PDB file of all heavy atoms in Angstrom:
ATOM      1  N   GLU A   1      57.839 305.018 242.060  1.00  0.00           N
ATOM      2  CA  GLU A   1      58.700 304.284 243.058  1.00  0.00           C
ATOM      3  C   GLU A   1      59.254 305.250 244.113  1.00  0.00           C
ATOM      4  O   GLU A   1      59.390 304.871 245.279  1.00  0.00           O
ATOM      5  CB  GLU A   1      59.877 303.574 242.287  1.00  0.00           C
ATOM      6  CG  GLU A   1      59.366 302.309 241.629  1.00  0.00           C
ATOM      7  CD  GLU A   1      59.488 302.397 240.078  1.00  0.00           C
ATOM      8  OE1 GLU A   1      59.424 303.488 239.542  1.00  0.00           O
ATOM      9  OE2 GLU A   1      59.663 301.376 239.524  1.00  0.00           O
ATOM     10  N   LYS A   2      59.654 306.454 243.725  1.00  0.00           N
ATOM     11  CA  LYS A   2      60.120 307.511 244.572  1.00  0.00           C
ATOM     12  C   LYS A   2      59.039 307.887 245.542  1.00  0.00           C
ATOM     13  O   LYS A   2      59.355 308.130 246.720  1.00  0.00           O
ATOM     14  CB  LYS A   2      60.682 308.703 243.880  1.00  0.00           C
ATOM     15  CG  LYS A   2      62.015 308.338 243.169  1.00  0.00           C
ATOM     16  CD  LYS A   2      63.097 308.023 244.180  1.00  0.00           C
ATOM     17  CE  LYS A   2      64.373 307.899 243.422  1.00  0.00           C
ATOM     18  NZ  LYS A   2      65.544 307.627 244.293  1.00  0.00           N
ATOM     19  N   VAL A   3      57.782 308.011 245.107  1.00  0.00           N
ATOM     20  CA  VAL A   3      56.685 308.319 246.049  1.00  0.00           C
ATOM     21  C   VAL A   3      56.587 307.268 247.102  1.00  0.00           C
ATOM     22  O   VAL A   3      56.556 307.632 248.343  1.00  0.00           O
ATOM     23  CB  VAL A   3      55.345 308.486 245.248  1.00  0.00           C
ATOM     24  CG1 VAL A   3      54.182 308.638 246.151  1.00  0.00           C
ATOM     25  CG2 VAL A   3      55.303 309.610 244.277  1.00  0.00           C
ATOM     26  N   ILE A   4      56.561 306.045 246.744  1.00  0.00           N
ATOM     27  CA  ILE A   4      56.428 304.947 247.668  1.00  0.00           C
ATOM     28  C   ILE A   4      57.655 304.925 248.605  1.00  0.00           C
ATOM     29  O   ILE A   4      57.523 304.907 249.892  1.00  0.00           O
ATOM     30  CB  ILE A   4      56.382 303.581 246.955  1.00  0.00           C
ATOM     31  CG1 ILE A   4      54.969 303.553 246.152  1.00  0.00           C
ATOM     32  CG2 ILE A   4      56.478 302.401 247.875  1.00  0.00           C
ATOM     33  CD1 ILE A   4      54.921 302.403 245.137  1.00  0.00           C
ATOM     34  N   GLU A   5      58.879 304.979 248.088  1.00  0.00           N
ATOM     35  CA  GLU A   5      60.144 304.970 248.923  1.00  0.00           C
ATOM     36  C   GLU A   5      60.187 306.172 249.833  1.00  0.00           C
ATOM     37  O   GLU A   5      60.457 306.000 251.093  1.00  0.00           O
ATOM     38  CB  GLU A   5      61.313 305.010 247.960  1.00  0.00           C
ATOM     39  CG  GLU A   5      62.683 305.185 248.586  1.00  0.00           C
ATOM     40  CD  GLU A   5      63.790 305.361 247.500  1.00  0.00           C
ATOM     41  OE1 GLU A   5      63.743 304.843 246.457  1.00  0.00           O
ATOM     42  OE2 GLU A   5      64.691 306.176 247.909  1.00  0.00           O
ATOM     43  N   GLN A   6      59.956 307.401 249.360  1.00  0.00           N
ATOM     44  CA  GLN A   6      60.056 308.629 250.230  1.00  0.00           C
ATOM     45  C   GLN A   6      58.937 308.653 251.271  1.00  0.00           C
ATOM     46  O   GLN A   6      59.200 309.160 252.376  1.00  0.00           O
ATOM     47  CB  GLN A   6      60.128 309.806 249.314  1.00  0.00           C
ATOM     48  CG  GLN A   6      61.466 309.913 248.533  1.00  0.00           C
ATOM     49  CD  GLN A   6      61.614 311.022 247.582  1.00  0.00           C
ATOM     50  OE1 GLN A   6      62.598 311.096 246.852  1.00  0.00           O
ATOM     51  NE2 GLN A   6      60.535 311.884 247.441  1.00  0.00           N
ATOM     52  N   SER A   7      57.771 308.179 250.931  1.00  0.00           N
ATOM     53  CA  SER A   7      56.737 308.236 251.975  1.00  0.00           C
ATOM     54  C   SER A   7      57.128 307.373 253.049  1.00  0.00           C
ATOM     55  O   SER A   7      56.935 307.737 254.329  1.00  0.00           O
ATOM     56  CB  SER A   7      55.320 307.789 251.350  1.00  0.00           C
ATOM     57  OG  SER A   7      55.390 306.484 250.993  1.00  0.00           O
ATOM     58  N   LYS A   8      57.726 306.223 252.800  1.00  0.00           N
ATOM     59  CA  LYS A   8      58.129 305.338 253.981  1.00  0.00           C
ATOM     60  C   LYS A   8      59.369 305.990 254.684  1.00  0.00           C
ATOM     61  O   LYS A   8      59.389 306.024 255.894  1.00  0.00           O
ATOM     62  CB  LYS A   8      58.649 303.984 253.403  1.00  0.00           C
ATOM     63  CG  LYS A   8      57.448 303.233 252.923  1.00  0.00           C
ATOM     64  CD  LYS A   8      57.881 301.865 252.319  1.00  0.00           C
ATOM     65  CE  LYS A   8      56.724 301.140 251.678  1.00  0.00           C
ATOM     66  NZ  LYS A   8      57.115 299.990 250.874  1.00  0.00           N
ATOM     67  N   ASN A   9      60.307 306.581 253.979  1.00  0.00           N
ATOM     68  CA  ASN A   9      61.493 307.148 254.613  1.00  0.00           C
ATOM     69  C   ASN A   9      61.159 308.372 255.426  1.00  0.00           C
ATOM     70  O   ASN A   9      61.773 308.595 256.483  1.00  0.00           O
ATOM     71  CB  ASN A   9      62.466 307.594 253.496  1.00  0.00           C
ATOM     72  CG  ASN A   9      63.212 306.422 252.864  1.00  0.00           C
ATOM     73  OD1 ASN A   9      63.129 305.279 253.297  1.00  0.00           O
ATOM     74  ND2 ASN A   9      63.851 306.609 251.731  1.00  0.00           N
ATOM     75  N   TYR A  10      60.121 309.153 255.035  1.00  0.00           N
ATOM     76  CA  TYR A  10      59.810 310.340 255.725  1.00  0.00           C
ATOM     77  C   TYR A  10      58.694 310.121 256.712  1.00  0.00           C
ATOM     78  O   TYR A  10      58.326 311.012 257.456  1.00  0.00           O
ATOM     79  CB  TYR A  10      59.323 311.501 254.779  1.00  0.00           C
ATOM     80  CG  TYR A  10      60.452 311.950 253.821  1.00  0.00           C
ATOM     81  CD1 TYR A  10      60.231 312.123 252.505  1.00  0.00           C
ATOM     82  CD2 TYR A  10      61.826 312.093 254.237  1.00  0.00           C
ATOM     83  CE1 TYR A  10      61.236 312.547 251.611  1.00  0.00           C
ATOM     84  CE2 TYR A  10      62.801 312.473 253.436  1.00  0.00           C
ATOM     85  CZ  TYR A  10      62.541 312.727 252.077  1.00  0.00           C
ATOM     86  OH  TYR A  10      63.492 313.123 251.218  1.00  0.00           O
ATOM     87  N   GLY A  11      58.138 308.903 256.751  1.00  0.00           N
ATOM     88  CA  GLY A  11      57.098 308.537 257.759  1.00  0.00           C
ATOM     89  C   GLY A  11      55.770 309.216 257.556  1.00  0.00           C
ATOM     90  O   GLY A  11      55.091 309.496 258.504  1.00  0.00           O
ATOM     91  N   HIS A  12      55.425 309.398 256.295  1.00  0.00           N
ATOM     92  CA  HIS A  12      54.097 309.866 256.090  1.00  0.00           C
ATOM     93  C   HIS A  12      53.431 309.111 254.992  1.00  0.00           C
ATOM     94  O   HIS A  12      54.035 308.175 254.325  1.00  0.00           O
ATOM     95  CB  HIS A  12      54.104 311.415 255.775  1.00  0.00           C
ATOM     96  CG  HIS A  12      54.902 311.834 254.735  1.00  0.00           C
ATOM     97  ND1 HIS A  12      56.008 312.702 254.927  1.00  0.00           N
ATOM     98  CD2 HIS A  12      54.932 311.663 253.333  1.00  0.00           C
ATOM     99  CE1 HIS A  12      56.672 313.042 253.802  1.00  0.00           C
ATOM    100  NE2 HIS A  12      56.057 312.337 252.852  1.00  0.00           N
ATOM    101  N   SER A  13      52.179 309.432 254.652  1.00  0.00           N
ATOM    102  CA  SER A  13      51.399 308.691 253.693  1.00  0.00           C
ATOM    103  C   SER A  13      51.856 308.794 252.309  1.00  0.00           C
ATOM    104  O   SER A  13      52.532 309.800 251.896  1.00  0.00           O
ATOM    105  CB  SER A  13      49.937 309.000 253.840  1.00  0.00           C
ATOM    106  OG  SER A  13      49.688 310.327 253.246  1.00  0.00           O
ATOM    107  N   PHE A  14      51.492 307.823 251.405  1.00  0.00           N
ATOM    108  CA  PHE A  14      51.661 307.812 250.029  1.00  0.00           C
ATOM    109  C   PHE A  14      51.030 309.091 249.464  1.00  0.00           C
ATOM    110  O   PHE A  14      51.582 309.775 248.611  1.00  0.00           O
ATOM    111  CB  PHE A  14      51.097 306.542 249.400  1.00  0.00           C
ATOM    112  CG  PHE A  14      51.079 306.500 247.954  1.00  0.00           C
ATOM    113  CD1 PHE A  14      52.109 306.036 247.210  1.00  0.00           C
ATOM    114  CD2 PHE A  14      49.964 307.015 247.168  1.00  0.00           C
ATOM    115  CE1 PHE A  14      52.146 306.052 245.783  1.00  0.00           C
ATOM    116  CE2 PHE A  14      49.928 306.995 245.821  1.00  0.00           C
ATOM    117  CZ  PHE A  14      51.028 306.442 245.109  1.00  0.00           C
ATOM    118  N   GLU A  15      49.750 309.355 249.898  1.00  0.00           N
ATOM    119  CA  GLU A  15      49.067 310.499 249.470  1.00  0.00           C
ATOM    120  C   GLU A  15      49.797 311.784 249.646  1.00  0.00           C
ATOM    121  O   GLU A  15      49.830 312.653 248.786  1.00  0.00           O
ATOM    122  CB  GLU A  15      47.693 310.536 250.146  1.00  0.00           C
ATOM    123  CG  GLU A  15      46.847 311.730 249.710  1.00  0.00           C
ATOM    124  CD  GLU A  15      45.471 311.851 250.389  1.00  0.00           C
ATOM    125  OE1 GLU A  15      45.474 312.119 251.614  1.00  0.00           O
ATOM    126  OE2 GLU A  15      44.523 311.501 249.764  1.00  0.00           O
ATOM    127  N   ARG A  16      50.304 311.913 250.897  1.00  0.00           N
ATOM    128  CA  ARG A  16      51.034 313.209 251.221  1.00  0.00           C
ATOM    129  C   ARG A  16      52.349 313.347 250.335  1.00  0.00           C
ATOM    130  O   ARG A  16      52.562 314.462 249.854  1.00  0.00           O
ATOM    131  CB  ARG A  16      51.410 313.106 252.662  1.00  0.00           C
ATOM    132  CG  ARG A  16      51.642 314.460 253.299  1.00  0.00           C
ATOM    133  CD  ARG A  16      52.981 315.042 253.177  1.00  0.00           C
ATOM    134  NE  ARG A  16      53.172 316.290 253.863  1.00  0.00           N
ATOM    135  CZ  ARG A  16      54.094 317.161 253.518  1.00  0.00           C
ATOM    136  NH1 ARG A  16      54.852 316.987 252.414  1.00  0.00           N
ATOM    137  NH2 ARG A  16      54.178 318.353 254.180  1.00  0.00           N
ATOM    138  N   GLU A  17      53.065 312.247 250.074  1.00  0.00           N
ATOM    139  CA  GLU A  17      54.230 312.343 249.295  1.00  0.00           C
ATOM    140  C   GLU A  17      53.841 312.675 247.785  1.00  0.00           C
ATOM    141  O   GLU A  17      54.496 313.574 247.135  1.00  0.00           O
ATOM    142  CB  GLU A  17      55.037 311.074 249.383  1.00  0.00           C
ATOM    143  CG  GLU A  17      56.346 311.228 248.618  1.00  0.00           C
ATOM    144  CD  GLU A  17      57.324 312.226 249.296  1.00  0.00           C
ATOM    145  OE1 GLU A  17      57.232 312.626 250.413  1.00  0.00           O
ATOM    146  OE2 GLU A  17      58.271 312.592 248.455  1.00  0.00           O
ATOM    147  N   LEU A  18      52.877 312.078 247.308  1.00  0.00           N
ATOM    148  CA  LEU A  18      52.365 312.294 245.935  1.00  0.00           C
ATOM    149  C   LEU A  18      51.952 313.750 245.819  1.00  0.00           C
ATOM    150  O   LEU A  18      52.369 314.439 244.825  1.00  0.00           O
ATOM    151  CB  LEU A  18      51.274 311.324 245.580  1.00  0.00           C
ATOM    152  CG  LEU A  18      50.646 311.511 244.123  1.00  0.00           C
ATOM    153  CD1 LEU A  18      51.675 311.193 243.116  1.00  0.00           C
ATOM    154  CD2 LEU A  18      49.374 310.657 244.003  1.00  0.00           C
ATOM    155  N   CYS A  19      51.195 314.219 246.719  1.00  0.00           N
ATOM    156  CA  CYS A  19      50.733 315.600 246.653  1.00  0.00           C
ATOM    157  C   CYS A  19      51.866 316.562 246.868  1.00  0.00           C
ATOM    158  O   CYS A  19      51.929 317.572 246.125  1.00  0.00           O
ATOM    159  CB  CYS A  19      49.655 315.746 247.789  1.00  0.00           C
ATOM    160  SG  CYS A  19      48.081 314.937 247.380  1.00  0.00           S
ATOM    161  N   PHE A  20      52.711 316.322 247.680  1.00  0.00           N
ATOM    162  CA  PHE A  20      53.896 317.204 247.937  1.00  0.00           C
ATOM    163  C   PHE A  20      54.715 317.326 246.613  1.00  0.00           C
ATOM    164  O   PHE A  20      55.056 318.476 246.156  1.00  0.00           O
ATOM    165  CB  PHE A  20      54.826 316.625 249.048  1.00  0.00           C
ATOM    166  CG  PHE A  20      56.129 317.416 249.217  1.00  0.00           C
ATOM    167  CD1 PHE A  20      56.125 318.543 249.973  1.00  0.00           C
ATOM    168  CD2 PHE A  20      57.201 317.047 248.579  1.00  0.00           C
ATOM    169  CE1 PHE A  20      57.301 319.247 250.180  1.00  0.00           C
ATOM    170  CE2 PHE A  20      58.461 317.748 248.696  1.00  0.00           C
ATOM    171  CZ  PHE A  20      58.481 318.898 249.466  1.00  0.00           C
ATOM    172  N   LEU A  21      54.991 316.201 245.940  1.00  0.00           N
ATOM    173  CA  LEU A  21      55.774 316.298 244.773  1.00  0.00           C
ATOM    174  C   LEU A  21      55.073 316.967 243.631  1.00  0.00           C
ATOM    175  O   LEU A  21      55.629 317.670 242.831  1.00  0.00           O
ATOM    176  CB  LEU A  21      56.223 314.869 244.340  1.00  0.00           C
ATOM    177  CG  LEU A  21      57.159 314.137 245.265  1.00  0.00           C
ATOM    178  CD1 LEU A  21      57.425 312.660 244.817  1.00  0.00           C
ATOM    179  CD2 LEU A  21      58.529 314.907 245.397  1.00  0.00           C
ATOM    180  N   ALA A  22      53.737 316.766 243.549  1.00  0.00           N
ATOM    181  CA  ALA A  22      52.954 317.423 242.445  1.00  0.00           C
ATOM    182  C   ALA A  22      52.961 318.958 242.767  1.00  0.00           C
ATOM    183  O   ALA A  22      53.193 319.723 241.793  1.00  0.00           O
ATOM    184  CB  ALA A  22      51.559 316.894 242.530  1.00  0.00           C
ATOM    185  N   ILE A  23      52.807 319.369 243.921  1.00  0.00           N
ATOM    186  CA  ILE A  23      52.882 320.848 244.266  1.00  0.00           C
ATOM    187  C   ILE A  23      54.255 321.419 244.074  1.00  0.00           C
ATOM    188  O   ILE A  23      54.377 322.484 243.507  1.00  0.00           O
ATOM    189  CB  ILE A  23      52.319 321.052 245.664  1.00  0.00           C
ATOM    190  CG1 ILE A  23      50.912 320.772 245.846  1.00  0.00           C
ATOM    191  CG2 ILE A  23      52.631 322.504 246.076  1.00  0.00           C
ATOM    192  CD1 ILE A  23      49.893 321.502 244.870  1.00  0.00           C
ATOM    193  N   HIS A  24      55.274 320.613 244.406  1.00  0.00           N
ATOM    194  CA  HIS A  24      56.641 321.006 244.140  1.00  0.00           C
ATOM    195  C   HIS A  24      56.798 321.352 242.693  1.00  0.00           C
ATOM    196  O   HIS A  24      57.319 322.352 242.220  1.00  0.00           O
ATOM    197  CB  HIS A  24      57.618 319.967 244.679  1.00  0.00           C
ATOM    198  CG  HIS A  24      58.979 320.374 244.560  1.00  0.00           C
ATOM    199  ND1 HIS A  24      59.673 321.084 245.555  1.00  0.00           N
ATOM    200  CD2 HIS A  24      59.967 320.150 243.574  1.00  0.00           C
ATOM    201  CE1 HIS A  24      60.891 321.326 245.165  1.00  0.00           C
ATOM    202  NE2 HIS A  24      61.144 320.758 243.968  1.00  0.00           N
ATOM    203  N   GLY A  25      56.368 320.377 241.881  1.00  0.00           N
ATOM    204  CA  GLY A  25      56.467 320.486 240.359  1.00  0.00           C
ATOM    205  C   GLY A  25      55.675 321.629 239.939  1.00  0.00           C
ATOM    206  O   GLY A  25      56.101 322.332 238.966  1.00  0.00           O
ATOM    207  N   PHE A  26      54.426 321.804 240.407  1.00  0.00           N
ATOM    208  CA  PHE A  26      53.598 322.867 239.979  1.00  0.00           C
ATOM    209  C   PHE A  26      54.203 324.285 240.227  1.00  0.00           C
ATOM    210  O   PHE A  26      54.220 325.082 239.389  1.00  0.00           O
ATOM    211  CB  PHE A  26      52.197 322.765 240.726  1.00  0.00           C
ATOM    212  CG  PHE A  26      51.276 323.966 240.469  1.00  0.00           C
ATOM    213  CD1 PHE A  26      50.725 324.130 239.217  1.00  0.00           C
ATOM    214  CD2 PHE A  26      50.995 324.732 241.530  1.00  0.00           C
ATOM    215  CE1 PHE A  26      49.892 325.227 239.035  1.00  0.00           C
ATOM    216  CE2 PHE A  26      50.182 325.860 241.347  1.00  0.00           C
ATOM    217  CZ  PHE A  26      49.595 326.106 240.102  1.00  0.00           C
ATOM    218  N   LEU A  27      54.781 324.460 241.411  1.00  0.00           N
ATOM    219  CA  LEU A  27      55.470 325.704 241.720  1.00  0.00           C
ATOM    220  C   LEU A  27      56.649 325.991 240.780  1.00  0.00           C
ATOM    221  O   LEU A  27      56.863 327.070 240.446  1.00  0.00           O
ATOM    222  CB  LEU A  27      55.860 325.705 243.220  1.00  0.00           C
ATOM    223  CG  LEU A  27      54.718 325.814 244.161  1.00  0.00           C
ATOM    224  CD1 LEU A  27      55.211 325.746 245.657  1.00  0.00           C
ATOM    225  CD2 LEU A  27      53.834 327.007 244.001  1.00  0.00           C
ATOM    226  N   HIS A  28      57.388 324.879 240.477  1.00  0.00           N
ATOM    227  CA  HIS A  28      58.422 325.138 239.406  1.00  0.00           C
ATOM    228  C   HIS A  28      57.875 325.548 238.098  1.00  0.00           C
ATOM    229  O   HIS A  28      58.392 326.470 237.456  1.00  0.00           O
ATOM    230  CB  HIS A  28      59.184 323.776 239.162  1.00  0.00           C
ATOM    231  CG  HIS A  28      60.293 323.498 240.119  1.00  0.00           C
ATOM    232  ND1 HIS A  28      61.342 324.394 240.386  1.00  0.00           N
ATOM    233  CD2 HIS A  28      60.559 322.441 240.910  1.00  0.00           C
ATOM    234  CE1 HIS A  28      62.145 323.906 241.233  1.00  0.00           C
ATOM    235  NE2 HIS A  28      61.718 322.733 241.591  1.00  0.00           N
ATOM    236  N   LEU A  29      56.689 325.073 237.686  1.00  0.00           N
ATOM    237  CA  LEU A  29      56.077 325.534 236.491  1.00  0.00           C
ATOM    238  C   LEU A  29      55.748 327.018 236.501  1.00  0.00           C
ATOM    239  O   LEU A  29      55.757 327.688 235.477  1.00  0.00           O
ATOM    240  CB  LEU A  29      54.774 324.764 236.162  1.00  0.00           C
ATOM    241  CG  LEU A  29      54.865 323.318 235.824  1.00  0.00           C
ATOM    242  CD1 LEU A  29      53.484 322.777 235.523  1.00  0.00           C
ATOM    243  CD2 LEU A  29      55.802 322.965 234.712  1.00  0.00           C
ATOM    244  N   LEU A  30      55.436 327.515 237.756  1.00  0.00           N
ATOM    245  CA  LEU A  30      55.184 328.890 237.934  1.00  0.00           C
ATOM    246  C   LEU A  30      56.422 329.795 238.094  1.00  0.00           C
ATOM    247  O   LEU A  30      56.319 331.020 238.324  1.00  0.00           O
ATOM    248  CB  LEU A  30      54.285 329.111 239.096  1.00  0.00           C
ATOM    249  CG  LEU A  30      52.911 328.396 238.981  1.00  0.00           C
ATOM    250  CD1 LEU A  30      52.074 328.698 240.287  1.00  0.00           C
ATOM    251  CD2 LEU A  30      52.153 328.862 237.690  1.00  0.00           C
ATOM    252  N   GLY A  31      57.564 329.186 238.100  1.00  0.00           N
ATOM    253  CA  GLY A  31      58.845 329.922 238.218  1.00  0.00           C
ATOM    254  C   GLY A  31      59.528 329.932 239.557  1.00  0.00           C
ATOM    255  O   GLY A  31      60.575 330.484 239.766  1.00  0.00           O
ATOM    256  N   TYR A  32      58.892 329.242 240.543  1.00  0.00           N
ATOM    257  CA  TYR A  32      59.578 329.136 241.830  1.00  0.00           C
ATOM    258  C   TYR A  32      60.740 328.181 241.611  1.00  0.00           C
ATOM    259  O   TYR A  32      60.819 327.299 240.847  1.00  0.00           O
ATOM    260  CB  TYR A  32      58.682 328.523 242.893  1.00  0.00           C
ATOM    261  CG  TYR A  32      57.465 329.433 243.372  1.00  0.00           C
ATOM    262  CD1 TYR A  32      56.289 329.516 242.672  1.00  0.00           C
ATOM    263  CD2 TYR A  32      57.677 330.189 244.540  1.00  0.00           C
ATOM    264  CE1 TYR A  32      55.234 330.348 243.063  1.00  0.00           C
ATOM    265  CE2 TYR A  32      56.673 331.022 244.935  1.00  0.00           C
ATOM    266  CZ  TYR A  32      55.457 331.026 244.236  1.00  0.00           C
ATOM    267  OH  TYR A  32      54.391 331.818 244.666  1.00  0.00           O
ATOM    268  N   ASP A  33      61.798 328.382 242.468  1.00  0.00           N
ATOM    269  CA  ASP A  33      62.980 327.641 242.438  1.00  0.00           C
ATOM    270  C   ASP A  33      63.589 327.480 243.772  1.00  0.00           C
ATOM    271  O   ASP A  33      63.081 328.088 244.816  1.00  0.00           O
ATOM    272  CB  ASP A  33      64.038 328.199 241.444  1.00  0.00           C
ATOM    273  CG  ASP A  33      64.824 327.088 240.769  1.00  0.00           C
ATOM    274  OD1 ASP A  33      64.913 325.922 241.231  1.00  0.00           O
ATOM    275  OD2 ASP A  33      65.373 327.366 239.623  1.00  0.00           O
ATOM    276  N   HIS A  34      64.643 326.673 243.937  1.00  0.00           N
ATOM    277  CA  HIS A  34      65.285 326.490 245.215  1.00  0.00           C
ATOM    278  C   HIS A  34      66.780 326.353 245.058  1.00  0.00           C
ATOM    279  O   HIS A  34      67.502 325.549 245.718  1.00  0.00           O
ATOM    280  CB  HIS A  34      64.783 325.276 245.985  1.00  0.00           C
ATOM    281  CG  HIS A  34      64.654 323.980 245.098  1.00  0.00           C
ATOM    282  ND1 HIS A  34      65.591 323.202 244.726  1.00  0.00           N
ATOM    283  CD2 HIS A  34      63.557 323.498 244.429  1.00  0.00           C
ATOM    284  CE1 HIS A  34      65.244 322.270 244.012  1.00  0.00           C
ATOM    285  NE2 HIS A  34      63.883 322.402 243.793  1.00  0.00           N
ATOM    286  N   MET A  35      67.325 327.294 244.240  1.00  0.00           N
ATOM    287  CA  MET A  35      68.741 327.300 243.971  1.00  0.00           C
ATOM    288  C   MET A  35      69.598 327.994 245.018  1.00  0.00           C
ATOM    289  O   MET A  35      70.729 327.727 245.283  1.00  0.00           O
ATOM    290  CB  MET A  35      69.079 327.892 242.618  1.00  0.00           C
ATOM    291  CG  MET A  35      68.445 327.211 241.378  1.00  0.00           C
ATOM    292  SD  MET A  35      68.902 325.521 241.251  1.00  0.00           S
ATOM    293  CE  MET A  35      70.620 325.743 240.660  1.00  0.00           C
ATOM    294  N   THR A  36      68.940 328.931 245.798  1.00  0.00           N
ATOM    295  CA  THR A  36      69.481 329.654 246.877  1.00  0.00           C
ATOM    296  C   THR A  36      68.759 329.299 248.155  1.00  0.00           C
ATOM    297  O   THR A  36      67.544 328.950 248.095  1.00  0.00           O
ATOM    298  CB  THR A  36      69.633 331.075 246.680  1.00  0.00           C
ATOM    299  OG1 THR A  36      68.303 331.601 246.684  1.00  0.00           O
ATOM    300  CG2 THR A  36      70.248 331.456 245.345  1.00  0.00           C
ATOM    301  N   PRO A  37      69.359 329.506 249.377  1.00  0.00           N
ATOM    302  CA  PRO A  37      68.523 329.245 250.510  1.00  0.00           C
ATOM    303  C   PRO A  37      67.308 330.152 250.681  1.00  0.00           C
ATOM    304  O   PRO A  37      66.344 329.786 251.116  1.00  0.00           O
ATOM    305  CB  PRO A  37      69.620 329.661 251.685  1.00  0.00           C
ATOM    306  CG  PRO A  37      70.863 329.274 251.073  1.00  0.00           C
ATOM    307  CD  PRO A  37      70.705 329.689 249.672  1.00  0.00           C
TER     308      PRO A  37
END
C-alpha cells in the first residue's frame, strides 16, 4: 500500500517506488544508515 501511495505522491511509477524501497532496504542490510545528514 505504501508503494502505491508513495508512487502517486512522488509522481513516479509503481516500479520505481518498489525498486527504490527494495534498494533502500538492501543497503540497510549492508550496514548503510541515515541517522545523520
